[in-house]
Amino acid sequence: MKTKLHGLLVLAMLVVFTSCSKDEIDQADDLNYEVDLNIVQKNDLEMSKDILDLVNDHRNSIGLTPLTMDQQYASAYAVDHTDYMIALSQINHDNFHLRSKALKDKGAMRVGENVAYGYDDAASVVSSWLNSPSHREIIEGNYTHSGFGVFKDHKGRYFFTQLFYLK
């Protein structure tokens, strides 16, 4: 019975930690997450602007305010996470609680995140996110700003991290 219960608990935790993260996970109140802001230079700014335009078009179509691009901290944290995903060759929300806390320490009230890989253009990745209820919920959430970590790995595949926050 204990083994079965443990297996269900592990499965439940796996589902929670692999879904699109919100600011529910504030486990590391005592940890500081610092990143060099110059890392933002790795970001594909053109692709990020295209994604933001499409996200804002969608938000506008349902009466939501547009997001403002944050090319400082949110993008630095997003680039750092994209580097991490590329190193693992898989998408994930590992350590989201650190990115969330870091943005909250800079004044954010809530934080969300979408990740993806393998899409070749902004329209494809945004369409995929909008067709996923959990990703769509983040896009349509109560946020004001967004940061990006969008660039290719050594095999030429794009990896995407988009952070959302309310200021």
C-alpha atoms as a PDB file:
ATOM      1  CA  MET A   1       0.000   0.000   0.000  1.00  0.00           C
ATOM      2  CA  LYS A   2       2.835   2.412   0.886  1.00  0.00           C
ATOM      3  CA  THR A   3       4.574   1.719  -2.434  1.00  0.00           C
ATOM      4  CA  LYS A   4       1.392   2.377  -4.410  1.00  0.00           C
ATOM      5  CA  LEU A   5       0.717   5.582  -2.462  1.00  0.00           C
ATOM      6  CA  HIS A   6       4.340   6.692  -2.960  1.00  0.00           C
ATOM      7  CA  GLY A   7       4.033   6.010  -6.700  1.00  0.00           C
ATOM      8  CA  LEU A   8       0.855   8.092  -6.907  1.00  0.00           C
ATOM      9  CA  LEU A   9       2.512  10.902  -4.980  1.00  0.00           C
ATOM     10  CA  VAL A  10       5.528  10.876  -7.322  1.00  0.00           C
ATOM     11  CA  LEU A  11       3.194  10.861 -10.347  1.00  0.00           C
ATOM     12  CA  ALA A  12       1.187  13.766  -8.913  1.00  0.00           C
ATOM     13  CA  MET A  13       4.377  15.732  -8.273  1.00  0.00           C
ATOM     14  CA  LEU A  14       5.580  14.988 -11.807  1.00  0.00           C
ATOM     15  CA  VAL A  15       2.335  16.348 -13.264  1.00  0.00           C
ATOM     16  CA  VAL A  16       2.524  19.480 -11.104  1.00  0.00           C
ATOM     17  CA  PHE A  17       6.141  20.234 -11.938  1.00  0.00           C
ATOM     18  CA  THR A  18       5.851  19.582 -15.682  1.00  0.00           C
ATOM     19  CA  SER A  19       2.775  21.731 -16.237  1.00  0.00           C
ATOM     20  CA  CYS A  20       3.014  25.408 -17.116  1.00  0.00           C
ATOM     21  CA  SER A  21       4.147  27.023 -13.938  1.00  0.00           C
ATOM     22  CA  LYS A  22       2.485  29.863 -12.105  1.00  0.00           C
ATOM     23  CA  ASP A  23       3.689  31.642  -9.035  1.00  0.00           C
ATOM     24  CA  GLU A  24       2.343  28.922  -6.730  1.00  0.00           C
ATOM     25  CA  ILE A  25       5.793  27.493  -6.062  1.00  0.00           C
ATOM     26  CA  ASP A  26       7.577  29.805  -3.642  1.00  0.00           C
ATOM     27  CA  GLN A  27       9.860  27.259  -2.034  1.00  0.00           C
ATOM     28  CA  ALA A  28      13.122  29.153  -2.006  1.00  0.00           C
ATOM     29  CA  ASP A  29      12.483  32.269   0.038  1.00  0.00           C
ATOM     30  CA  ASP A  30      16.035  32.148   1.320  1.00  0.00           C
ATOM     31  CA  LEU A  31      17.747  31.723  -2.068  1.00  0.00           C
ATOM     32  CA  ASN A  32      18.982  34.552  -4.249  1.00  0.00           C
ATOM     33  CA  TYR A  33      18.991  34.128  -8.003  1.00  0.00           C
ATOM     34  CA  GLU A  34      21.388  36.424  -9.797  1.00  0.00           C
ATOM     35  CA  VAL A  35      22.224  36.551 -13.463  1.00  0.00           C
ATOM     36  CA  ASP A  36      24.401  38.792 -15.609  1.00  0.00           C
ATOM     37  CA  LEU A  37      22.058  41.106 -17.526  1.00  0.00           C
ATOM     38  CA  ASN A  38      24.415  40.966 -20.524  1.00  0.00           C
ATOM     39  CA  ILE A  39      23.189  37.417 -21.164  1.00  0.00           C
ATOM     40  CA  VAL A  40      20.153  39.030 -22.822  1.00  0.00           C
ATOM     41  CA  GLN A  41      22.321  39.581 -25.905  1.00  0.00           C
ATOM     42  CA  LYS A  42      21.882  35.859 -26.718  1.00  0.00           C
ATOM     43  CA  ASN A  43      18.151  36.373 -27.183  1.00  0.00           C
ATOM     44  CA  ASP A  44      16.753  36.472 -30.731  1.00  0.00           C
ATOM     45  CA  LEU A  45      15.142  39.896 -30.348  1.00  0.00           C
ATOM     46  CA  GLU A  46      13.370  39.819 -33.706  1.00  0.00           C
ATOM     47  CA  MET A  47      11.708  36.458 -32.984  1.00  0.00           C
ATOM     48  CA  SER A  48      10.829  37.656 -29.467  1.00  0.00           C
ATOM     49  CA  LYS A  49       9.183  40.802 -30.826  1.00  0.00           C
ATOM     50  CA  ASP A  50       7.211  38.684 -33.306  1.00  0.00           C
ATOM     51  CA  ILE A  51       6.017  36.414 -30.487  1.00  0.00           C
ATOM     52  CA  LEU A  52       5.075  39.409 -28.362  1.00  0.00           C
ATOM     53  CA  ASP A  53       3.150  40.975 -31.261  1.00  0.00           C
ATOM     54  CA  LEU A  54       1.163  37.765 -31.773  1.00  0.00           C
ATOM     55  CA  VAL A  55       0.522  37.331 -28.051  1.00  0.00           C
ATOM     56  CA  ASN A  56      -0.600  40.954 -27.815  1.00  0.00           C
ATOM     57  CA  ASP A  57      -2.831  40.571 -30.891  1.00  0.00           C
ATOM     58  CA  HIS A  58      -4.526  37.669 -29.147  1.00  0.00           C
ATOM     59  CA  ARG A  59      -4.820  39.533 -25.854  1.00  0.00           C
ATOM     60  CA  ASN A  60      -6.266  42.545 -27.663  1.00  0.00           C
ATOM     61  CA  SER A  61      -8.821  40.334 -29.465  1.00  0.00           C
ATOM     62  CA  ILE A  62     -10.282  39.292 -26.106  1.00  0.00           C
ATOM     63  CA  GLY A  63     -10.115  42.730 -24.491  1.00  0.00           C
ATOM     64  CA  LEU A  64      -6.900  42.342 -22.479  1.00  0.00           C
ATOM     65  CA  THR A  65      -4.172  44.937 -22.222  1.00  0.00           C
ATOM     66  CA  PRO A  66      -0.948  44.350 -24.180  1.00  0.00           C
ATOM     67  CA  LEU A  67       2.232  43.159 -22.524  1.00  0.00           C
ATOM     68  CA  THR A  68       5.345  45.329 -22.453  1.00  0.00           C
ATOM     69  CA  MET A  69       8.653  43.672 -23.289  1.00  0.00           C
ATOM     70  CA  ASP A  70      11.146  43.574 -20.434  1.00  0.00           C
ATOM     71  CA  GLN A  71      14.631  43.358 -21.954  1.00  0.00           C
ATOM     72  CA  GLN A  72      16.339  43.386 -18.599  1.00  0.00           C
ATOM     73  CA  TYR A  73      15.693  41.009 -15.716  1.00  0.00           C
ATOM     74  CA  ALA A  74      12.787  38.957 -17.105  1.00  0.00           C
ATOM     75  CA  SER A  75      14.648  38.372 -20.361  1.00  0.00           C
ATOM     76  CA  ALA A  76      17.919  37.631 -18.550  1.00  0.00           C
ATOM     77  CA  TYR A  77      16.154  34.997 -16.412  1.00  0.00           C
ATOM     78  CA  ALA A  78      14.434  33.615 -19.521  1.00  0.00           C
ATOM     79  CA  VAL A  79      17.718  33.408 -21.461  1.00  0.00           C
ATOM     80  CA  ASP A  80      19.371  31.692 -18.520  1.00  0.00           C
ATOM     81  CA  HIS A  81      16.556  29.125 -18.417  1.00  0.00           C
ATOM     82  CA  THR A  82      16.723  28.557 -22.175  1.00  0.00           C
ATOM     83  CA  ASP A  83      20.465  27.885 -21.822  1.00  0.00           C
ATOM     84  CA  TYR A  84      19.625  25.363 -19.099  1.00  0.00           C
ATOM     85  CA  MET A  85      17.006  23.602 -21.265  1.00  0.00           C
ATOM     86  CA  ILE A  86      19.428  23.447 -24.197  1.00  0.00           C
ATOM     87  CA  ALA A  87      22.094  21.913 -21.957  1.00  0.00           C
ATOM     88  CA  LEU A  88      19.583  19.188 -21.012  1.00  0.00           C
ATOM     89  CA  SER A  89      18.107  18.928 -24.543  1.00  0.00           C
ATOM     90  CA  GLN A  90      14.602  19.095 -23.092  1.00  0.00           C
ATOM     91  CA  ILE A  91      12.033  21.671 -22.145  1.00  0.00           C
ATOM     92  CA  ASN A  92      11.040  22.032 -18.518  1.00  0.00           C
ATOM     93  CA  HIS A  93      10.080  24.471 -15.801  1.00  0.00           C
ATOM     94  CA  ASP A  94      12.898  23.442 -13.472  1.00  0.00           C
ATOM     95  CA  ASN A  95      13.693  26.102 -10.877  1.00  0.00           C
ATOM     96  CA  PHE A  96      10.741  28.264 -11.888  1.00  0.00           C
ATOM     97  CA  HIS A  97      10.387  29.202  -8.232  1.00  0.00           C
ATOM     98  CA  LEU A  98      13.801  30.921  -8.427  1.00  0.00           C
ATOM     99  CA  ARG A  99      12.841  32.968 -11.505  1.00  0.00           C
ATOM    100  CA  SER A 100       9.501  33.839  -9.922  1.00  0.00           C
ATOM    101  CA  LYS A 101      11.049  34.918  -6.633  1.00  0.00           C
ATOM    102  CA  ALA A 102      13.735  36.954  -8.409  1.00  0.00           C
ATOM    103  CA  LEU A 103      11.102  38.864 -10.382  1.00  0.00           C
ATOM    104  CA  LYS A 104       8.997  39.348  -7.244  1.00  0.00           C
ATOM    105  CA  ASP A 105      12.076  40.736  -5.509  1.00  0.00           C
ATOM    106  CA  LYS A 106      12.166  43.290  -8.356  1.00  0.00           C
ATOM    107  CA  GLY A 107       8.511  44.253  -7.773  1.00  0.00           C
ATOM    108  CA  ALA A 108       6.474  41.674  -9.687  1.00  0.00           C
ATOM    109  CA  MET A 109       3.229  40.637  -8.018  1.00  0.00           C
ATOM    110  CA  ARG A 110       2.728  37.378  -9.926  1.00  0.00           C
ATOM    111  CA  VAL A 111       4.729  35.414 -12.479  1.00  0.00           C
ATOM    112  CA  GLY A 112       3.984  32.818 -15.167  1.00  0.00           C
ATOM    113  CA  GLU A 113       6.047  30.981 -17.752  1.00  0.00           C
ATOM    114  CA  ASN A 114       5.643  29.214 -21.090  1.00  0.00           C
ATOM    115  CA  VAL A 115       8.369  27.108 -22.701  1.00  0.00           C
ATOM    116  CA  ALA A 116       8.674  25.284 -26.019  1.00  0.00           C
ATOM    117  CA  TYR A 117      11.199  24.000 -28.536  1.00  0.00           C
ATOM    118  CA  GLY A 118      11.468  22.934 -32.138  1.00  0.00           C
ATOM    119  CA  TYR A 119       9.220  25.557 -33.707  1.00  0.00           C
ATOM    120  CA  ASP A 120      10.704  27.537 -36.590  1.00  0.00           C
ATOM    121  CA  ASP A 121       8.744  30.769 -36.285  1.00  0.00           C
ATOM    122  CA  ALA A 122       6.732  32.911 -33.909  1.00  0.00           C
ATOM    123  CA  ALA A 123       3.376  32.016 -35.454  1.00  0.00           C
ATOM    124  CA  SER A 124       3.939  28.284 -34.901  1.00  0.00           C
ATOM    125  CA  VAL A 125       4.965  28.545 -31.265  1.00  0.00           C
ATOM    126  CA  VAL A 126       2.207  31.010 -30.362  1.00  0.00           C
ATOM    127  CA  SER A 127      -0.391  28.882 -32.173  1.00  0.00           C
ATOM    128  CA  SER A 128       0.794  25.839 -30.227  1.00  0.00           C
ATOM    129  CA  TRP A 129       0.573  27.695 -26.921  1.00  0.00           C
ATOM    130  CA  LEU A 130      -2.901  29.017 -27.737  1.00  0.00           C
ATOM    131  CA  ASN A 131      -4.069  25.487 -28.559  1.00  0.00           C
ATOM    132  CA  SER A 132      -2.934  24.263 -25.130  1.00  0.00           C
ATOM    133  CA  PRO A 133      -5.316  25.229 -22.304  1.00  0.00           C
ATOM    134  CA  SER A 134      -2.558  25.630 -19.699  1.00  0.00           C
ATOM    135  CA  HIS A 135      -0.331  27.737 -21.982  1.00  0.00           C
ATOM    136  CA  ARG A 136      -3.313  29.789 -23.160  1.00  0.00           C
ATOM    137  CA  GLU A 137      -4.198  30.492 -19.526  1.00  0.00           C
ATOM    138  CA  ILE A 138      -0.740  32.003 -19.020  1.00  0.00           C
ATOM    139  CA  ILE A 139      -1.010  34.106 -22.205  1.00  0.00           C
ATOM    140  CA  GLU A 140      -4.439  35.360 -21.125  1.00  0.00           C
ATOM    141  CA  GLY A 141      -3.391  35.892 -17.509  1.00  0.00           C
ATOM    142  CA  ASN A 142      -3.307  39.072 -15.480  1.00  0.00           C
ATOM    143  CA  TYR A 143       0.166  40.187 -16.537  1.00  0.00           C
ATOM    144  CA  THR A 144       1.693  43.452 -17.725  1.00  0.00           C
ATOM    145  CA  HIS A 145       5.230  42.508 -18.834  1.00  0.00           C
ATOM    146  CA  SER A 146       7.061  39.716 -20.605  1.00  0.00           C
ATOM    147  CA  GLY A 147      10.663  38.640 -21.021  1.00  0.00           C
ATOM    148  CA  PHE A 148      12.122  36.228 -23.553  1.00  0.00           C
ATOM    149  CA  GLY A 149      14.858  33.670 -23.955  1.00  0.00           C
ATOM    150  CA  VAL A 150      14.580  32.568 -27.598  1.00  0.00           C
ATOM    151  CA  PHE A 151      17.518  31.134 -29.524  1.00  0.00           C
ATOM    152  CA  LYS A 152      18.811  28.039 -31.278  1.00  0.00           C
ATOM    153  CA  ASP A 153      20.801  25.141 -29.914  1.00  0.00           C
ATOM    154  CA  HIS A 154      23.854  23.709 -31.702  1.00  0.00           C
ATOM    155  CA  LYS A 155      21.543  21.601 -33.907  1.00  0.00           C
ATOM    156  CA  GLY A 156      19.672  24.676 -35.126  1.00  0.00           C
ATOM    157  CA  ARG A 157      16.501  24.040 -33.088  1.00  0.00           C
ATOM    158  CA  TYR A 158      14.823  26.973 -31.388  1.00  0.00           C
ATOM    159  CA  PHE A 159      14.168  26.781 -27.655  1.00  0.00           C
ATOM    160  CA  PHE A 160      11.733  29.261 -26.108  1.00  0.00           C
ATOM    161  CA  THR A 161      11.173  30.632 -22.627  1.00  0.00           C
ATOM    162  CA  GLN A 162       8.610  33.390 -22.173  1.00  0.00           C
ATOM    163  CA  LEU A 163       8.212  34.839 -18.695  1.00  0.00           C
ATOM    164  CA  PHE A 164       5.115  36.854 -17.810  1.00  0.00           C
ATOM    165  CA  TYR A 165       4.688  39.083 -14.773  1.00  0.00           C
ATOM    166  CA  LEU A 166       2.343  41.613 -13.257  1.00  0.00           C
ATOM    167  CA  LYS A 167       3.955  44.811 -12.032  1.00  0.00           C
END
